Amino acid sequence: MKVILGIIDWIKKDYSSNRIRFCLEVLAWAMSIGCAVVMALTVPTPPFMILYPVWISGCVIYAWCCYNRGSFGLLANYLLMVTIDSIALIRLISN
């Protein structure tokens, strides 16, 4: 129980420290979970033309949040995912 209370306290402190970033991180999280659920439900023919823009937008939001937090590793990760998936979206559109 002590661990759970510690996590709740940590979430409250994170929210208090930067409400905009906190809300954007929750939005990006919801976008990524939504994309994963849609992907799982529509395999083998997921709607990539819908999923890619949503996924890429979520990654851009996450990248800004990482930059705002000063987290280089996660920023690099999300920027790389934006690059890779943007290339994939361009290829999808051009074919």
N, C-alpha and C. Protein backbone atom coordinates (compact mmCIF):
# COMPACT_ATOMS: atom_id res chain seq x y z
N MET A 1 0.82 -1.19 0.00
CA MET A 1 0.00 0.00 0.00
C MET A 1 0.86 1.26 0.00
N LYS A 2 2.00 1.18 0.68
CA LYS A 2 2.91 2.33 0.75
C LYS A 2 3.42 2.71 -0.64
N VAL A 3 3.68 1.70 -1.47
CA VAL A 3 4.17 1.94 -2.83
C VAL A 3 3.10 2.67 -3.64
N ILE A 4 1.86 2.23 -3.53
CA ILE A 4 0.77 2.85 -4.28
C ILE A 4 0.58 4.30 -3.85
N LEU A 5 0.62 4.57 -2.56
CA LEU A 5 0.49 5.94 -2.07
C LEU A 5 1.66 6.80 -2.55
N GLY A 6 2.84 6.21 -2.61
CA GLY A 6 4.00 6.93 -3.14
C GLY A 6 3.83 7.28 -4.60
N ILE A 7 3.28 6.37 -5.38
CA ILE A 7 3.03 6.61 -6.81
C ILE A 7 1.99 7.72 -6.98
N ILE A 8 0.92 7.66 -6.20
CA ILE A 8 -0.12 8.69 -6.26
C ILE A 8 0.47 10.06 -5.91
N ASP A 9 1.30 10.11 -4.89
CA ASP A 9 1.96 11.36 -4.51
C ASP A 9 2.87 11.87 -5.63
N TRP A 10 3.60 10.97 -6.26
CA TRP A 10 4.48 11.33 -7.36
C TRP A 10 3.68 11.90 -8.53
N ILE A 11 2.52 11.30 -8.84
CA ILE A 11 1.65 11.79 -9.91
C ILE A 11 1.14 13.19 -9.57
N LYS A 12 0.73 13.40 -8.33
CA LYS A 12 0.26 14.72 -7.91
C LYS A 12 1.37 15.77 -8.04
N LYS A 13 2.58 15.43 -7.64
CA LYS A 13 3.71 16.36 -7.76
C LYS A 13 4.02 16.66 -9.22
N ASP A 14 3.96 15.64 -10.06
CA ASP A 14 4.22 15.83 -11.49
C ASP A 14 3.17 16.76 -12.08
N TYR A 15 1.91 16.55 -11.74
CA TYR A 15 0.83 17.41 -12.23
C TYR A 15 1.03 18.84 -11.76
N SER A 16 1.37 19.02 -10.50
CA SER A 16 1.56 20.36 -9.94
C SER A 16 2.76 21.07 -10.55
N SER A 17 3.79 20.33 -10.91
CA SER A 17 5.01 20.96 -11.43
C SER A 17 4.82 21.55 -12.83
N ASN A 18 3.97 20.91 -13.65
CA ASN A 18 3.74 21.41 -15.01
C ASN A 18 2.45 20.79 -15.54
N ARG A 19 1.34 21.47 -15.32
CA ARG A 19 0.02 20.91 -15.68
C ARG A 19 -0.13 20.69 -17.17
N ILE A 20 0.38 21.61 -17.97
CA ILE A 20 0.25 21.47 -19.43
C ILE A 20 0.99 20.23 -19.91
N ARG A 21 2.25 20.06 -19.46
CA ARG A 21 3.02 18.89 -19.87
C ARG A 21 2.34 17.61 -19.40
N PHE A 22 1.86 17.60 -18.17
CA PHE A 22 1.18 16.42 -17.63
C PHE A 22 -0.02 16.05 -18.51
N CYS A 23 -0.85 17.03 -18.84
CA CYS A 23 -2.05 16.76 -19.66
C CYS A 23 -1.66 16.30 -21.06
N LEU A 24 -0.61 16.88 -21.63
CA LEU A 24 -0.15 16.45 -22.95
C LEU A 24 0.39 15.03 -22.91
N GLU A 25 1.09 14.67 -21.83
CA GLU A 25 1.59 13.30 -21.72
C GLU A 25 0.45 12.31 -21.60
N VAL A 26 -0.60 12.67 -20.88
CA VAL A 26 -1.77 11.79 -20.77
C VAL A 26 -2.46 11.68 -22.14
N LEU A 27 -2.57 12.79 -22.87
CA LEU A 27 -3.15 12.76 -24.21
C LEU A 27 -2.34 11.86 -25.14
N ALA A 28 -1.02 12.04 -25.15
CA ALA A 28 -0.16 11.21 -26.01
C ALA A 28 -0.26 9.74 -25.63
N TRP A 29 -0.34 9.46 -24.33
CA TRP A 29 -0.50 8.08 -23.87
C TRP A 29 -1.82 7.50 -24.39
N ALA A 30 -2.90 8.27 -24.30
CA ALA A 30 -4.21 7.80 -24.77
C ALA A 30 -4.17 7.56 -26.29
N MET A 31 -3.48 8.44 -27.01
CA MET A 31 -3.35 8.26 -28.46
C MET A 31 -2.60 6.98 -28.79
N SER A 32 -1.52 6.70 -28.07
CA SER A 32 -0.74 5.50 -28.37
C SER A 32 -1.51 4.23 -28.01
N ILE A 33 -2.22 4.25 -26.88
CA ILE A 33 -3.04 3.10 -26.51
C ILE A 33 -4.17 2.91 -27.52
N GLY A 34 -4.79 4.01 -27.93
CA GLY A 34 -5.86 3.93 -28.93
C GLY A 34 -5.36 3.32 -30.23
N CYS A 35 -4.18 3.76 -30.67
CA CYS A 35 -3.61 3.19 -31.90
C CYS A 35 -3.33 1.70 -31.74
N ALA A 36 -2.80 1.31 -30.59
CA ALA A 36 -2.49 -0.11 -30.36
C ALA A 36 -3.77 -0.96 -30.36
N VAL A 37 -4.83 -0.44 -29.75
CA VAL A 37 -6.10 -1.19 -29.71
C VAL A 37 -6.70 -1.30 -31.11
N VAL A 38 -6.71 -0.20 -31.85
CA VAL A 38 -7.24 -0.25 -33.23
C VAL A 38 -6.42 -1.21 -34.07
N MET A 39 -5.11 -1.16 -33.93
CA MET A 39 -4.23 -2.08 -34.67
C MET A 39 -4.57 -3.53 -34.33
N ALA A 40 -4.71 -3.82 -33.05
CA ALA A 40 -5.00 -5.19 -32.63
C ALA A 40 -6.36 -5.67 -33.14
N LEU A 41 -7.32 -4.78 -33.17
CA LEU A 41 -8.67 -5.17 -33.58
C LEU A 41 -8.83 -5.28 -35.09
N THR A 42 -7.93 -4.66 -35.85
CA THR A 42 -8.11 -4.64 -37.31
C THR A 42 -7.06 -5.44 -38.07
N VAL A 43 -6.20 -6.15 -37.36
CA VAL A 43 -5.22 -7.00 -38.03
C VAL A 43 -5.97 -8.03 -38.86
N PRO A 44 -5.62 -8.34 -40.07
CA PRO A 44 -4.37 -8.06 -40.76
C PRO A 44 -4.41 -6.82 -41.65
N THR A 45 -5.49 -6.06 -41.63
CA THR A 45 -5.56 -4.87 -42.51
C THR A 45 -5.89 -3.62 -41.69
N PRO A 46 -4.96 -3.16 -40.87
CA PRO A 46 -5.23 -1.97 -40.06
C PRO A 46 -5.33 -0.72 -40.93
N PRO A 47 -6.07 0.28 -40.47
CA PRO A 47 -6.23 1.51 -41.24
C PRO A 47 -5.03 2.46 -41.06
N PHE A 48 -3.96 2.14 -41.75
CA PHE A 48 -2.72 2.90 -41.57
C PHE A 48 -2.87 4.39 -41.87
N MET A 49 -3.73 4.74 -42.83
CA MET A 49 -3.90 6.15 -43.18
C MET A 49 -4.50 6.94 -42.01
N ILE A 50 -5.18 6.28 -41.12
CA ILE A 50 -5.70 6.92 -39.90
C ILE A 50 -4.70 6.78 -38.76
N LEU A 51 -4.15 5.58 -38.60
CA LEU A 51 -3.27 5.32 -37.46
C LEU A 51 -1.96 6.09 -37.52
N TYR A 52 -1.31 6.14 -38.68
CA TYR A 52 0.00 6.79 -38.76
C TYR A 52 -0.04 8.26 -38.33
N PRO A 53 -0.97 9.07 -38.84
CA PRO A 53 -0.99 10.47 -38.39
C PRO A 53 -1.25 10.63 -36.89
N VAL A 54 -2.13 9.80 -36.35
CA VAL A 54 -2.40 9.87 -34.91
C VAL A 54 -1.16 9.45 -34.12
N TRP A 55 -0.54 8.34 -34.51
CA TRP A 55 0.66 7.85 -33.85
C TRP A 55 1.79 8.87 -33.92
N ILE A 56 2.02 9.44 -35.10
CA ILE A 56 3.09 10.42 -35.28
C ILE A 56 2.81 11.66 -34.43
N SER A 57 1.57 12.11 -34.41
CA SER A 57 1.21 13.26 -33.57
C SER A 57 1.48 12.98 -32.10
N GLY A 58 1.13 11.79 -31.65
CA GLY A 58 1.41 11.42 -30.26
C GLY A 58 2.89 11.41 -29.96
N CYS A 59 3.69 10.92 -30.90
CA CYS A 59 5.14 10.90 -30.71
C CYS A 59 5.73 12.31 -30.68
N VAL A 60 5.17 13.22 -31.49
CA VAL A 60 5.62 14.61 -31.46
C VAL A 60 5.29 15.24 -30.10
N ILE A 61 4.10 14.96 -29.59
CA ILE A 61 3.73 15.46 -28.27
C ILE A 61 4.68 14.91 -27.21
N TYR A 62 4.91 13.60 -27.25
CA TYR A 62 5.86 12.99 -26.30
C TYR A 62 7.25 13.61 -26.42
N ALA A 63 7.70 13.87 -27.65
CA ALA A 63 9.03 14.47 -27.85
C ALA A 63 9.12 15.83 -27.19
N TRP A 64 8.08 16.65 -27.34
CA TRP A 64 8.08 17.96 -26.69
C TRP A 64 8.13 17.81 -25.17
N CYS A 65 7.34 16.88 -24.67
CA CYS A 65 7.32 16.64 -23.21
C CYS A 65 8.70 16.19 -22.72
N CYS A 66 9.36 15.33 -23.47
CA CYS A 66 10.70 14.87 -23.10
C CYS A 66 11.68 16.03 -23.12
N TYR A 67 11.60 16.87 -24.14
CA TYR A 67 12.46 18.05 -24.21
C TYR A 67 12.21 18.95 -23.00
N ASN A 68 10.94 19.15 -22.68
CA ASN A 68 10.56 19.99 -21.55
C ASN A 68 11.07 19.43 -20.23
N ARG A 69 11.11 18.11 -20.11
CA ARG A 69 11.63 17.45 -18.90
C ARG A 69 13.15 17.39 -18.87
N GLY A 70 13.77 17.56 -20.03
CA GLY A 70 15.22 17.45 -20.10
C GLY A 70 15.69 16.01 -20.23
N SER A 71 14.86 15.16 -20.83
CA SER A 71 15.18 13.75 -20.98
C SER A 71 15.70 13.47 -22.39
N PHE A 72 17.01 13.48 -22.55
CA PHE A 72 17.61 13.32 -23.87
C PHE A 72 17.31 11.95 -24.48
N GLY A 73 17.43 10.89 -23.71
CA GLY A 73 17.23 9.54 -24.24
C GLY A 73 15.84 9.35 -24.82
N LEU A 74 14.83 9.75 -24.07
CA LEU A 74 13.46 9.62 -24.57
C LEU A 74 13.19 10.57 -25.72
N LEU A 75 13.76 11.78 -25.68
CA LEU A 75 13.60 12.72 -26.79
C LEU A 75 14.18 12.11 -28.06
N ALA A 76 15.37 11.56 -27.99
CA ALA A 76 15.99 10.93 -29.16
C ALA A 76 15.12 9.78 -29.66
N ASN A 77 14.59 8.99 -28.76
CA ASN A 77 13.73 7.87 -29.13
C ASN A 77 12.49 8.34 -29.89
N TYR A 78 11.80 9.33 -29.35
CA TYR A 78 10.57 9.79 -29.99
C TYR A 78 10.85 10.52 -31.31
N LEU A 79 11.94 11.27 -31.38
CA LEU A 79 12.28 11.91 -32.65
C LEU A 79 12.61 10.87 -33.72
N LEU A 80 13.28 9.80 -33.34
CA LEU A 80 13.58 8.73 -34.29
C LEU A 80 12.29 8.04 -34.75
N MET A 81 11.37 7.81 -33.82
CA MET A 81 10.10 7.17 -34.19
C MET A 81 9.29 8.08 -35.11
N VAL A 82 9.29 9.41 -34.86
CA VAL A 82 8.61 10.34 -35.75
C VAL A 82 9.22 10.25 -37.15
N THR A 83 10.54 10.21 -37.22
CA THR A 83 11.22 10.14 -38.52
C THR A 83 10.87 8.85 -39.26
N ILE A 84 11.02 7.72 -38.59
CA ILE A 84 10.75 6.42 -39.21
C ILE A 84 9.30 6.33 -39.67
N ASP A 85 8.37 6.69 -38.81
CA ASP A 85 6.96 6.55 -39.16
C ASP A 85 6.50 7.59 -40.17
N SER A 86 7.13 8.76 -40.19
CA SER A 86 6.81 9.75 -41.23
C SER A 86 7.26 9.26 -42.60
N ILE A 87 8.41 8.62 -42.65
CA ILE A 87 8.87 8.03 -43.90
C ILE A 87 7.91 6.93 -44.35
N ALA A 88 7.47 6.12 -43.40
CA ALA A 88 6.53 5.05 -43.74
C ALA A 88 5.20 5.64 -44.24
N LEU A 89 4.73 6.72 -43.62
CA LEU A 89 3.49 7.35 -44.07
C LEU A 89 3.66 7.93 -45.48
N ILE A 90 4.77 8.57 -45.73
CA ILE A 90 5.04 9.11 -47.08
C ILE A 90 5.05 7.99 -48.11
N ARG A 91 5.71 6.88 -47.77
CA ARG A 91 5.73 5.73 -48.68
C ARG A 91 4.33 5.17 -48.91
N LEU A 92 3.53 5.12 -47.85
CA LEU A 92 2.17 4.62 -47.96
C LEU A 92 1.33 5.52 -48.86
N ILE A 93 1.47 6.83 -48.70
CA ILE A 93 0.71 7.78 -49.50
C ILE A 93 1.14 7.73 -50.97
N SER A 94 2.44 7.56 -51.19
CA SER A 94 2.95 7.60 -52.58
C SER A 94 2.71 6.31 -53.34
N ASN A 95 2.31 5.24 -52.68
CA ASN A 95 2.05 3.97 -53.39
C ASN A 95 0.60 3.79 -53.64
